[in-house]
Amino acid sequence: MALFEQIINTHSSFLGTLRHSFLDEDRKTALQNFELKGFPTKKDEEYKYTNLKEITEKEYNFFPTEEHNISKEQLDALHLGEENFDRIVFINGKLHKEFSKISIGNAEFLSFGYALNDSAHKEAFDQYFNTIANRDLAFTNLNSAYCNFGFFLRVPKNVVIEKPIHIFYLSQNQNENTFYNTRNLLIIEEGAKVEIIESHHNLDESFVLTNSVTEIFTYQNAKTDWHKLQNDSDTSYLVDHTFAKQERDSLTTVNTFSFGGKLVRNNLDFIHNGENINSFMNGITIIGKDQLVDHHTAVHHNTPNCESYQNYKGIYKDKSHGVFNGKVFVNKIAQKTNAYQQNNNILLDEGATIDTKPQLEIFADDVKCSHGCTVGQLNEDAMFYLRARGISKKEARALLLYAFANDAMQNIDIEPLKVKVSKLLAEKLVVNMEF
């Protein structure tokens, strides 16, 4: 049975596993919308370069077993040298407090499943849940129909969360392919600040499909940083949608570091709802074999005097395939908009490919907007310069590639994360470098 039929046939059983939830009717409506649309195909413009058949023709278990045998040593190996960080550990969809370290007592943190069944949070869900997520998309409807894993976090007014929070999603001890629908809801009130790192890890040889939707609300004078560290196994599929709505004088950053996973699709939507907003999107992709990473970004400049910055770097080896589709929309009232969008790529092997399409749709006349993309190979003159100074070909190539990707890491404020990304770059480039 293909995944589409499984989704339709399993929903009643899924609802039967839940405690009473005020979202049950919304779930049924979302499933109906998904059934009408089905999965996107290559005939859809937004999936023109990404074939989902590898994912959708497999069968999956919708009810992962909770038992696991993950040790503290295994979990420590995934850390970033983050002894002082807070960490939230989900294993097979369930929050495990014994592996977590939560010191954010002045903020409201709950697992998503718990929040769904707590009547005290109904008002918050009515106000925020599914209000900025695009309900016309197949995967967001699918997530709304099946979501039960993930977290809810509200940071009150003027509260600064000093420690970064690392969210781990681990899957282990599953005997068959497993399907997770994770949902995150983040509310950062006026003057508050938070930094989050998100990573997914499949520790089995069977396949895992994760369909993740995150909604971020950043209020006036607040700051939100979300770092996606994607370095999963070759038996992992990830489809991620992140929607970020910003109010006046706020700053939101989403950094996406894609180093692993069989197929990864990242969708980013930024929505401006006030003046003097700053939005930053940075990405580094380095993949090989037959991996595919697809970045789709959109910034909706709806108000004047705002800025957005997109900088995506890609390095592709073997027969890997990259996609970048970036859009900037400037409303006719969004005068004095400053928008920058750049996608630069290096193909290291003949079989590697990249499809890139930066786009601008501008309806205002007093703006400063630019976009561009490059695709090429390493500079031979630079290689010769390094080789002439006694540096081996392998190390010279790694140095040039590291320098190429490095500027996409400049706004990482978390030093252990910056070191981790640097080490992953060196590891993927198969070279020893000290940081």
Protein backbone atom coordinates (compact mmCIF):
# COMPACT_ATOMS: atom_id res chain seq x y z
CA MET A 1 0.00 0.00 0.00
CA ALA A 2 1.40 3.40 -0.97
CA LEU A 3 1.72 6.16 1.62
CA PHE A 4 -1.29 8.13 0.36
CA GLU A 5 -3.69 5.22 0.97
CA GLN A 6 -2.09 4.57 4.36
CA ILE A 7 -2.67 8.18 5.39
CA ILE A 8 -6.36 8.08 4.50
CA ASN A 9 -7.03 4.63 5.95
CA THR A 10 -5.11 5.10 9.22
CA HIS A 11 -6.54 8.43 10.37
CA SER A 12 -9.49 7.03 12.32
CA SER A 13 -7.16 4.68 14.20
CA PHE A 14 -4.82 7.59 14.90
CA LEU A 15 -7.60 9.71 16.38
CA GLY A 16 -8.57 6.75 18.53
CA THR A 17 -5.12 6.74 20.17
CA LEU A 18 -5.44 10.36 21.34
CA ARG A 19 -7.02 11.69 24.44
CA HIS A 20 -9.80 14.18 23.84
CA SER A 21 -8.38 17.10 21.86
CA PHE A 22 -9.98 20.37 20.80
CA LEU A 23 -8.29 19.96 17.40
CA ASP A 24 -10.11 16.80 16.31
CA GLU A 25 -12.45 18.57 13.87
CA ASP A 26 -9.57 20.62 12.48
CA ARG A 27 -7.66 17.38 11.94
CA LYS A 28 -10.51 15.89 9.91
CA THR A 29 -10.77 19.02 7.77
CA ALA A 30 -7.02 19.03 7.18
CA LEU A 31 -7.14 15.38 6.09
CA GLN A 32 -9.94 16.18 3.63
CA ASN A 33 -7.86 19.02 2.18
CA PHE A 34 -4.86 16.71 1.87
CA GLU A 35 -6.96 14.03 0.18
CA LEU A 36 -8.18 16.54 -2.40
CA LYS A 37 -4.67 17.70 -3.29
CA GLY A 38 -2.59 14.56 -2.77
CA PHE A 39 1.19 14.66 -2.74
CA PRO A 40 2.86 17.19 -5.04
CA THR A 41 4.42 15.79 -8.20
CA LYS A 42 7.00 17.11 -10.65
CA LYS A 43 4.12 18.64 -12.58
CA ASP A 44 3.74 21.12 -9.72
CA GLU A 45 5.98 24.14 -10.27
CA GLU A 46 7.18 24.16 -6.65
CA TYR A 47 8.31 20.51 -6.94
CA LYS A 48 9.55 20.68 -10.51
CA TYR A 49 13.05 19.54 -9.54
CA THR A 50 12.20 17.30 -6.58
CA ASN A 51 10.73 13.86 -7.14
CA LEU A 52 8.94 12.52 -4.06
CA LYS A 53 8.20 9.04 -5.42
CA GLU A 54 11.02 7.52 -3.40
CA ILE A 55 9.20 8.68 -0.27
CA THR A 56 5.56 8.19 -1.21
CA GLU A 57 5.83 4.66 -2.61
CA LYS A 58 7.07 3.19 0.68
CA GLU A 59 4.93 1.94 3.55
CA TYR A 60 5.39 3.37 7.06
CA ASN A 61 4.41 2.67 10.64
CA PHE A 62 2.36 5.57 12.03
CA PHE A 63 2.59 4.37 15.63
CA PRO A 64 6.29 4.17 16.63
CA THR A 65 7.15 1.96 19.56
CA GLU A 66 8.21 3.99 22.61
CA GLU A 67 10.80 1.44 23.79
CA HIS A 68 14.40 2.30 23.10
CA ASN A 69 17.90 1.48 24.31
CA ILE A 70 19.66 4.80 23.72
CA SER A 71 22.46 5.36 26.21
CA LYS A 72 23.70 8.63 27.65
CA GLU A 73 26.98 8.03 25.79
CA GLN A 74 25.15 7.86 22.45
CA LEU A 75 23.35 11.08 23.20
CA ASP A 76 26.54 12.80 24.36
CA ALA A 77 28.13 11.97 21.01
CA LEU A 78 25.48 14.14 19.32
CA HIS A 79 26.13 17.16 21.51
CA LEU A 80 28.00 20.28 20.41
CA GLY A 81 30.20 20.59 23.47
CA GLU A 82 27.12 22.08 25.05
CA GLU A 83 27.41 21.16 28.71
CA ASN A 84 25.88 24.50 29.65
CA PHE A 85 23.03 24.39 27.11
CA ASP A 86 19.48 23.42 27.83
CA ARG A 87 18.41 20.38 25.84
CA ILE A 88 15.07 18.81 25.06
CA VAL A 89 15.21 15.16 23.98
CA PHE A 90 12.40 13.44 22.13
CA ILE A 91 12.87 9.71 21.49
CA ASN A 92 10.40 7.98 19.18
CA GLY A 93 8.15 11.01 19.54
CA LYS A 94 8.04 11.06 23.34
CA LEU A 95 9.70 13.69 25.56
CA HIS A 96 12.31 12.08 27.83
CA LYS A 97 13.02 14.23 30.86
CA GLU A 98 15.80 11.93 32.09
CA PHE A 99 17.89 12.91 29.04
CA SER A 100 16.71 16.51 28.97
CA LYS A 101 18.06 19.47 30.87
CA ILE A 102 15.49 22.21 31.26
CA SER A 103 16.28 25.34 33.26
CA ILE A 104 13.89 27.73 31.50
CA GLY A 105 11.68 28.15 34.55
CA ASN A 106 10.65 31.68 33.60
CA ALA A 107 9.20 30.50 30.27
CA GLU A 108 6.30 28.20 29.43
CA PHE A 109 7.50 24.93 27.91
CA LEU A 110 5.35 21.85 27.19
CA SER A 111 5.50 18.89 24.89
CA PHE A 112 3.08 19.46 22.02
CA GLY A 113 0.99 16.41 22.82
CA TYR A 114 0.53 17.53 26.42
CA ALA A 115 -0.38 21.08 25.42
CA LEU A 116 -3.02 19.77 23.00
CA ASN A 117 -4.85 18.06 25.84
CA ASP A 118 -4.51 20.82 28.42
CA SER A 119 -7.59 23.07 28.37
CA ALA A 120 -5.51 25.87 29.89
CA HIS A 121 -3.71 26.24 26.55
CA LYS A 122 -6.79 26.21 24.32
CA GLU A 123 -6.80 30.01 24.15
CA ALA A 124 -3.18 30.11 22.97
CA PHE A 125 -3.86 27.46 20.32
CA ASP A 126 -6.96 29.29 19.13
CA GLN A 127 -4.89 32.45 18.77
CA TYR A 128 -1.76 31.01 17.15
CA PHE A 129 -2.01 27.42 15.93
CA ASN A 130 -2.26 27.09 12.14
CA THR A 131 -2.69 30.86 11.68
CA ILE A 132 0.44 31.45 9.59
CA ALA A 133 1.03 27.93 8.27
CA ASN A 134 -0.06 27.76 4.63
CA ARG A 135 -3.18 25.59 4.57
CA ASP A 136 -2.98 25.22 0.79
CA LEU A 137 0.08 22.98 1.03
CA ALA A 138 -0.21 19.20 1.08
CA PHE A 139 2.42 18.60 3.77
CA THR A 140 1.08 21.26 6.14
CA ASN A 141 -2.40 19.75 5.89
CA LEU A 142 -0.94 16.30 6.46
CA ASN A 143 0.89 17.58 9.51
CA SER A 144 -2.24 19.23 10.92
CA ALA A 145 -4.12 15.97 10.50
CA TYR A 146 -1.51 13.81 12.27
CA CYS A 147 0.61 16.08 14.49
CA ASN A 148 1.15 14.88 18.04
CA PHE A 149 4.91 15.23 18.62
CA GLY A 150 6.97 18.36 19.17
CA PHE A 151 6.94 21.27 21.62
CA PHE A 152 5.13 24.46 22.64
CA LEU A 153 7.27 27.31 24.01
CA ARG A 154 6.15 30.78 25.07
CA VAL A 155 8.78 33.27 26.29
CA PRO A 156 7.13 36.07 28.29
CA LYS A 157 7.66 39.79 27.79
CA ASN A 158 11.26 41.01 28.31
CA VAL A 159 12.51 37.54 29.34
CA VAL A 160 15.91 36.70 27.88
CA ILE A 161 16.67 32.98 27.71
CA GLU A 162 20.41 33.05 28.34
CA LYS A 163 21.21 29.46 27.36
CA PRO A 164 20.65 28.08 23.86
CA ILE A 165 18.09 25.27 23.75
CA HIS A 166 18.98 22.19 21.68
CA ILE A 167 15.96 20.16 20.56
CA PHE A 168 16.82 16.54 19.67
CA TYR A 169 14.40 14.36 17.72
CA LEU A 170 15.69 10.77 17.85
CA SER A 171 14.24 7.64 16.28
CA GLN A 172 15.56 4.27 17.42
CA ASN A 173 14.47 0.65 17.86
CA GLN A 174 11.91 0.78 15.03
CA ASN A 175 11.68 -2.48 13.09
CA GLU A 176 9.98 -0.94 10.07
CA ASN A 177 9.85 2.35 8.23
CA THR A 178 8.42 5.02 10.53
CA PHE A 179 6.46 8.22 9.91
CA TYR A 180 6.67 11.20 12.30
CA ASN A 181 4.63 14.41 12.11
CA THR A 182 6.31 16.90 14.42
CA ARG A 183 4.79 20.27 15.24
CA ASN A 184 6.47 23.18 17.01
CA LEU A 185 4.86 26.40 18.21
CA LEU A 186 7.16 29.20 19.40
CA ILE A 187 5.83 32.51 20.80
CA ILE A 188 8.42 35.19 21.69
CA GLU A 189 6.70 38.11 23.37
CA GLU A 190 7.77 41.76 23.32
CA GLY A 191 11.41 42.35 24.24
CA ALA A 192 12.16 38.63 24.75
CA LYS A 193 15.02 36.62 23.27
CA VAL A 194 15.70 32.92 22.58
CA GLU A 195 18.12 30.74 20.56
CA ILE A 196 17.13 27.24 19.47
CA ILE A 197 19.07 24.45 17.74
CA GLU A 198 17.06 21.67 16.09
CA SER A 199 18.45 18.32 14.94
CA HIS A 200 16.91 15.01 13.79
CA HIS A 201 18.65 11.65 14.06
CA ASN A 202 17.58 8.25 12.74
CA LEU A 203 19.59 5.57 14.56
CA ASP A 204 18.06 2.59 12.70
CA GLU A 205 18.68 1.04 9.30
CA SER A 206 14.99 1.29 8.42
CA PHE A 207 13.71 4.50 6.84
CA VAL A 208 12.26 7.46 8.74
CA LEU A 209 10.06 10.11 7.16
CA THR A 210 9.67 13.28 9.24
CA ASN A 211 7.09 15.87 8.24
CA SER A 212 7.79 18.90 10.42
CA VAL A 213 5.89 22.19 10.70
CA THR A 214 7.07 25.08 12.89
CA GLU A 215 5.27 28.36 13.54
CA ILE A 216 7.33 31.22 15.03
CA PHE A 217 5.81 34.45 16.34
CA THR A 218 8.33 37.19 17.16
CA TYR A 219 6.82 40.28 18.78
CA GLN A 220 8.02 43.89 18.99
CA ASN A 221 11.71 44.34 19.89
CA ALA A 222 12.10 40.56 20.32
CA LYS A 223 14.83 38.36 18.86
CA THR A 224 14.56 34.73 17.72
CA ASP A 225 17.39 32.58 16.34
CA TRP A 226 16.58 29.10 15.01
CA HIS A 227 19.42 26.89 13.80
CA LYS A 228 18.62 23.74 11.83
CA LEU A 229 21.48 21.23 11.97
CA GLN A 230 20.69 18.53 9.39
CA ASN A 231 23.21 15.71 9.45
CA ASP A 232 21.08 12.60 9.45
CA SER A 233 21.62 9.14 7.94
CA ASP A 234 21.02 7.95 4.37
CA THR A 235 17.79 6.30 5.55
CA SER A 236 16.17 9.60 6.51
CA TYR A 237 13.69 11.82 4.71
CA LEU A 238 12.83 15.26 6.06
CA VAL A 239 10.18 17.65 4.80
CA ASP A 240 10.29 20.83 6.88
CA HIS A 241 8.02 23.88 6.76
CA THR A 242 8.88 26.87 8.95
CA PHE A 243 6.66 29.95 9.08
CA ALA A 244 7.90 33.07 10.91
CA LYS A 245 5.73 36.12 11.57
CA GLN A 246 7.47 39.26 12.84
CA GLU A 247 6.16 42.42 14.47
CA ARG A 248 7.72 45.90 14.54
CA ASP A 249 11.45 46.25 15.39
CA SER A 250 11.97 42.47 15.69
CA LEU A 251 14.79 40.28 14.42
CA THR A 252 14.43 36.65 13.36
CA THR A 253 17.18 34.41 11.98
CA VAL A 254 16.90 30.90 10.54
CA ASN A 255 20.19 29.16 9.71
CA THR A 256 19.99 25.85 7.84
CA PHE A 257 23.04 23.58 7.73
CA SER A 258 22.37 20.56 5.50
CA PHE A 259 25.03 17.84 5.56
CA GLY A 260 23.05 14.59 5.57
CA GLY A 261 19.77 12.85 4.87
CA LYS A 262 18.65 11.01 1.74
CA LEU A 263 16.13 13.67 0.75
CA VAL A 264 15.67 16.99 2.57
CA ARG A 265 13.16 19.67 1.65
CA ASN A 266 13.33 22.96 3.58
CA ASN A 267 10.52 25.49 3.19
CA LEU A 268 10.89 28.92 4.83
CA ASP A 269 8.22 31.63 4.89
CA PHE A 270 8.86 34.99 6.58
CA ILE A 271 5.90 37.35 7.06
CA HIS A 272 6.50 41.01 7.95
CA ASN A 273 3.80 42.72 10.02
CA GLY A 274 5.41 45.99 11.12
CA GLU A 275 8.16 48.47 10.32
CA ASN A 276 11.93 48.18 11.00
CA ILE A 277 11.92 44.38 10.83
CA ASN A 278 15.10 42.41 10.07
CA SER A 279 15.04 38.84 8.72
CA PHE A 280 18.09 36.67 8.11
CA MET A 281 18.22 33.33 6.25
CA ASN A 282 21.53 31.60 5.81
CA GLY A 283 22.25 28.13 4.51
CA ILE A 284 25.18 25.80 3.91
CA THR A 285 24.67 22.58 1.99
CA ILE A 286 27.39 20.01 1.35
CA ILE A 287 26.20 16.60 0.17
CA GLY A 288 27.38 13.69 -1.96
CA LYS A 289 26.34 10.27 -3.28
CA ASP A 290 22.75 10.55 -4.56
CA GLN A 291 21.47 12.87 -1.83
CA LEU A 292 19.05 15.71 -2.55
CA VAL A 293 18.59 18.95 -0.60
CA ASP A 294 15.91 21.41 -1.73
CA HIS A 295 15.68 24.93 -0.23
CA HIS A 296 12.53 26.97 -0.87
CA THR A 297 12.39 30.41 0.75
CA ALA A 298 9.89 33.27 0.66
CA VAL A 299 9.92 36.68 2.33
CA HIS A 300 6.71 38.70 2.35
CA HIS A 301 7.59 42.40 2.73
CA ASN A 302 4.18 43.78 3.67
CA THR A 303 5.31 46.92 5.52
CA PRO A 304 7.79 49.78 4.89
CA ASN A 305 11.36 50.20 6.14
CA CYS A 306 12.24 46.50 6.55
CA GLU A 307 15.23 44.40 5.54
CA SER A 308 15.75 40.76 4.60
CA TYR A 309 19.00 38.95 3.86
CA GLN A 310 19.36 35.52 2.24
CA ASN A 311 22.74 33.88 1.70
CA TYR A 312 22.83 30.20 0.65
CA LYS A 313 26.00 28.29 -0.26
CA GLY A 314 26.03 24.81 -1.83
CA ILE A 315 28.82 22.28 -2.41
CA TYR A 316 27.79 19.17 -4.35
CA LYS A 317 29.77 15.98 -4.88
CA ASP A 318 29.24 12.66 -6.70
CA LYS A 319 25.67 12.48 -8.08
CA SER A 320 24.04 14.74 -5.52
CA HIS A 321 21.36 17.23 -6.47
CA GLY A 322 20.67 20.66 -5.02
CA VAL A 323 17.68 22.97 -5.48
CA PHE A 324 17.30 26.60 -4.46
CA ASN A 325 14.12 28.57 -5.10
CA GLY A 326 14.09 31.90 -3.30
CA LYS A 327 11.32 34.46 -3.54
CA VAL A 328 11.04 38.02 -2.29
CA PHE A 329 7.61 39.68 -2.43
CA VAL A 330 7.46 43.45 -1.92
CA ASN A 331 3.97 44.88 -1.35
CA LYS A 332 3.14 48.23 -2.97
CA ILE A 333 3.05 49.91 0.46
CA ALA A 334 6.41 48.41 1.52
CA GLN A 335 8.52 51.41 0.50
CA LYS A 336 12.17 51.66 1.64
CA THR A 337 12.49 47.86 1.57
CA ASN A 338 16.04 46.52 1.46
CA ALA A 339 16.18 42.88 0.31
CA TYR A 340 19.25 40.83 -0.59
CA GLN A 341 19.22 37.31 -1.98
CA GLN A 342 22.22 35.26 -3.13
CA ASN A 343 22.78 31.60 -3.93
CA ASN A 344 26.32 30.45 -4.82
CA ASN A 345 27.17 26.85 -5.70
CA ILE A 346 30.19 24.70 -6.51
CA LEU A 347 29.91 21.38 -8.37
CA LEU A 348 32.85 19.10 -7.56
CA ASP A 349 31.93 16.19 -9.84
CA GLU A 350 30.39 15.85 -13.28
CA GLY A 351 27.37 13.98 -11.94
CA ALA A 352 26.43 16.70 -9.42
CA THR A 353 23.64 19.13 -10.37
CA ILE A 354 21.99 22.27 -9.02
CA ASP A 355 18.73 23.93 -10.08
CA THR A 356 18.57 27.50 -8.78
CA LYS A 357 15.92 30.15 -9.29
CA PRO A 358 16.12 33.38 -7.24
CA GLN A 359 13.04 35.57 -7.80
CA LEU A 360 11.82 39.07 -6.99
CA GLU A 361 8.24 40.35 -7.21
CA ILE A 362 8.30 44.07 -6.48
CA PHE A 363 5.23 46.31 -6.47
CA ALA A 364 6.81 49.30 -4.67
CA ASP A 365 8.99 51.90 -6.41
CA ASP A 366 11.33 53.09 -3.64
CA VAL A 367 13.22 49.90 -2.77
CA LYS A 368 16.70 48.42 -2.86
CA CYS A 369 16.48 44.77 -3.88
CA SER A 370 19.06 42.46 -5.43
CA HIS A 371 19.29 38.78 -6.25
CA GLY A 372 21.72 36.48 -7.97
CA CYS A 373 23.17 33.01 -8.26
CA THR A 374 26.40 31.40 -9.43
CA VAL A 375 27.28 27.83 -10.39
CA GLY A 376 30.85 26.79 -11.08
CA GLN A 377 33.97 24.91 -10.08
CA LEU A 378 36.94 25.81 -7.91
CA ASN A 379 39.19 28.63 -9.07
CA GLU A 380 42.22 27.06 -10.75
CA ASP A 381 44.42 30.11 -10.10
CA ALA A 382 43.69 29.96 -6.38
CA MET A 383 44.43 26.22 -6.39
CA PHE A 384 47.75 26.83 -8.15
CA TYR A 385 48.64 29.58 -5.64
CA LEU A 386 48.11 27.23 -2.68
CA ARG A 387 49.81 24.26 -4.34
CA ALA A 388 52.86 26.43 -5.11
CA ARG A 389 53.24 27.01 -1.37
CA GLY A 390 53.52 23.35 -0.53
CA ILE A 391 49.88 22.64 0.30
CA SER A 392 48.57 19.32 -0.99
CA LYS A 393 45.80 19.29 -3.58
CA LYS A 394 43.31 17.77 -1.14
CA GLU A 395 44.03 20.34 1.58
CA ALA A 396 44.07 23.23 -0.89
CA ARG A 397 40.65 22.22 -2.17
CA ALA A 398 39.31 21.94 1.37
CA LEU A 399 40.66 25.38 2.33
CA LEU A 400 39.04 27.03 -0.68
CA LEU A 401 35.71 25.29 -0.08
CA TYR A 402 35.78 26.19 3.61
CA ALA A 403 36.43 29.83 2.74
CA PHE A 404 33.62 29.70 0.19
CA ALA A 405 31.08 28.48 2.77
CA ASN A 406 32.37 30.39 5.78
CA ASP A 407 30.53 33.70 5.33
CA ALA A 408 27.18 31.92 5.71
CA MET A 409 28.20 31.20 9.34
CA GLN A 410 29.06 34.75 10.34
CA ASN A 411 25.89 35.47 12.31
CA ILE A 412 26.02 32.33 14.48
CA ASP A 413 26.30 33.66 18.02
CA ILE A 414 26.69 30.20 19.59
CA GLU A 415 30.41 29.41 19.52
CA PRO A 416 30.09 25.61 20.04
CA LEU A 417 27.61 25.48 17.14
CA LYS A 418 29.99 27.42 14.90
CA VAL A 419 32.80 24.99 15.79
CA LYS A 420 30.50 22.00 15.17
CA VAL A 421 29.52 23.28 11.73
CA SER A 422 33.17 23.95 10.91
CA LYS A 423 34.11 20.40 11.92
CA LEU A 424 31.26 18.95 9.86
CA LEU A 425 32.48 20.95 6.87
CA ALA A 426 35.97 19.50 7.31
CA GLU A 427 34.54 16.00 7.77
CA LYS A 428 32.47 16.25 4.58
CA LEU A 429 35.49 17.59 2.71
CA VAL A 430 37.53 14.63 4.03
CA VAL A 431 40.31 16.72 5.51
CA ASN A 432 41.76 17.30 8.99
CA MET A 433 41.45 20.92 10.09
CA GLU A 434 41.89 22.35 13.55
CA PHE A 435 39.37 24.85 14.92
